Amino acid sequence: MAQRLPALGVDYGQTADNLPPPSAVAKLVQSTSISKLRLYGADPAILQAFANTGIGLVVGIGNDQIPSLNQLAVAQNWIKNNIVPFVPATDIIGISVGNEVLFSGDGTLISQLLPALQNLHTALVEVSLDQQIKVSTPHSMAILSTSAPPSAGRFNESFDMKSLLDFLQKIGAPLMINPYPYFAYKSNPTDQTLAYALFEPNPGFYDTNSGLTYTNMFDAQLDAVYSAMKYLGYPGVDIVVAETGWPSVGDPTETGVSLQNAIAYNGNLIKHVTSMTGTPLRPNRYIQTYIFALFNEDLKPGPTSEHNYGLFKVDMTMAYDVGLLQSPVSKLLHIFQFFFQIVQLVLTESSTLTRVGSERPYWVSLDRSFFLRLNSLTLDALRIYPLFLIESVNKAECSSIPSCSTHWGACDSSSYRESLVHCQAGRRRANFGGKFELCLWTGN
C-alpha cells in the first residue's frame, strides 16, 4: 500500500455508464497515496464500500436539492438517512452543498444556499457530528471581481460573501474553491502563460503591493481569494481546493489539452500542495486539494476534454503516471534518502535528540531550531515515513487532536494517548517553540 498524502484528495465523479463497482474503486484508492475523496452525491453503495478504509469522504448534495433543504426537517432527515448510518465506520469529513451556485445566475437558488448550509449544520449538531463533519459549498473563481495582482483580490460585490464567510468562520469550515489554471491559460495561450500554469520554470509574476513573487498561477489564484477574504475581515478562514485539474485528451481545436500537460500540471500540483510550501501569502502549510477527477467520464456534456480529466481509466489502469502508485523499490529508496537526510541534520546541527524512555523507542525530543530545519524534509517524509510533530500542551488550540498513539501502532503508548496532540502540520508552525517530540512510523 502506498503511503497516503494527507493533503491529497480526488474528485470521484460518476457521470459515466462504464465505471467499476464501488467495492473495486475502494480497493484501488487504498493502493494509492490518495487520502480523501470528494463525492457529488451520497450513494449508499459508495459510502458502504469505503467503510474501514481510512479514506476521508466529502459527501455531495446537488444544486437541485438545495431548495428543499431550506426546511430544517428535510435537512435533519437528510443527515439521518445519508450520514448517520455510515459513521463512524466510514470516515465522512465534510458535506459539499451544491456546486458553483453563486455563478449559476439563479437568484432564488443563491438566496437558498446559506439557509441550506445552516440547516445541515444544525442537523449535524443535533447528532453530535458537527466537529467531525464540516459543511461548505464550492465556488468558481468567478466569485472574484479582481484577481490580479493577488494582493488586490476582491469578491464580486453582487455576491453576499460576508454572510457566507461569517457562517464558515463560526463553524470552523473552509471556503471551497475550484481554481483551474487550464481555463486561464486557454483564454491567454502563450508559452509563458503555459509554463506559469504548469508549475514549470518561468520569469514569475511580481506583486508590487505585497513584494511577493509568484512562480505559478495556482498560488496566485489562491492568494487572490485569501486577499479578498482578508479585505472583508475573515483572514482566518481556510481554503480547500474542491476541484482542479487538466484534461489529457481533447478535440484538435482545444488549446493546451495534451497528455504531457496533464502529467506536468497534476504531477507538479501534487508535489506542491503536499510539500508544506503553502502560498506566498500563506506559507508553510499544506493546501488541501481535490484533483478532478478519479476516472474519465464518458457521459459528461461538452467537448472531448470534458470526458478526459481522469487520473485513471475505467478499467482502473492509470491514464498516466503522476506517482500515485509507488513501487516497493521506489519506497525503499525514499526511506533511505529520508534517513540519510535526518543523519546529516543531526550531525550538522547543535540541537540534540534524546530518546524519551526506553519503552518508547520511536519517540525523540528536539528543539525549535532543529524542527525548523527539518521542515524541508516533510514532503519526502510524508511520502514514505509520516513525520508527526507532537506538542504536549495547548490541546484546545490545535485544529486536529487525535494523538499519534491513537492512529499509529509503532508509536503506541497509553500514557501519551490523552496528553499528546497531533497538530495539523503547518497550521501553527510559526508559533511553535520550546521542546517538541518527533514520531517516526515504520508503516506498511
Foldseek 3Di string as FASTA:
>chain_A
DFFAQVQEEAEAEDQADQFDFLLVVLVLLLLFNHQEYEYQAQPVSNLVSNFQSNREYAHEAALVCLVVLLDLVVLLVCCVPRPVVRPDRGQYQEYAYHAQQVVPPPPVSLVSRVSSQVSNLVSCVVVVNLLRYHYEYEHELQQWPDQPQLLQTAGDPVHPVLVRLVVCVVSVHAYEYADELLVVCQVPPDPQSLCQALLHDHPFDARPVVRDTRSHPVLSSVSSVLNRCVVSPRNPHAYAHEEYFAFADFDPPRPPHHVVSRLSRVLVVVLVQSLLQHHPVQGRAHHNYHYPHQEQHPNDDDTPSNRGRHQAYSVSHGPDDSPGRDDPVRLVVLVVVLVVVVVVLCVPDPWDWDDDDPVQRQKIKTFLVSVVVCSNCQSSCSRHWHKFKKDQDPQVVASFFQAPLVPAVSRNDVVCRPRIGGHRGRPCSVVDGGMIMIGTGNDD
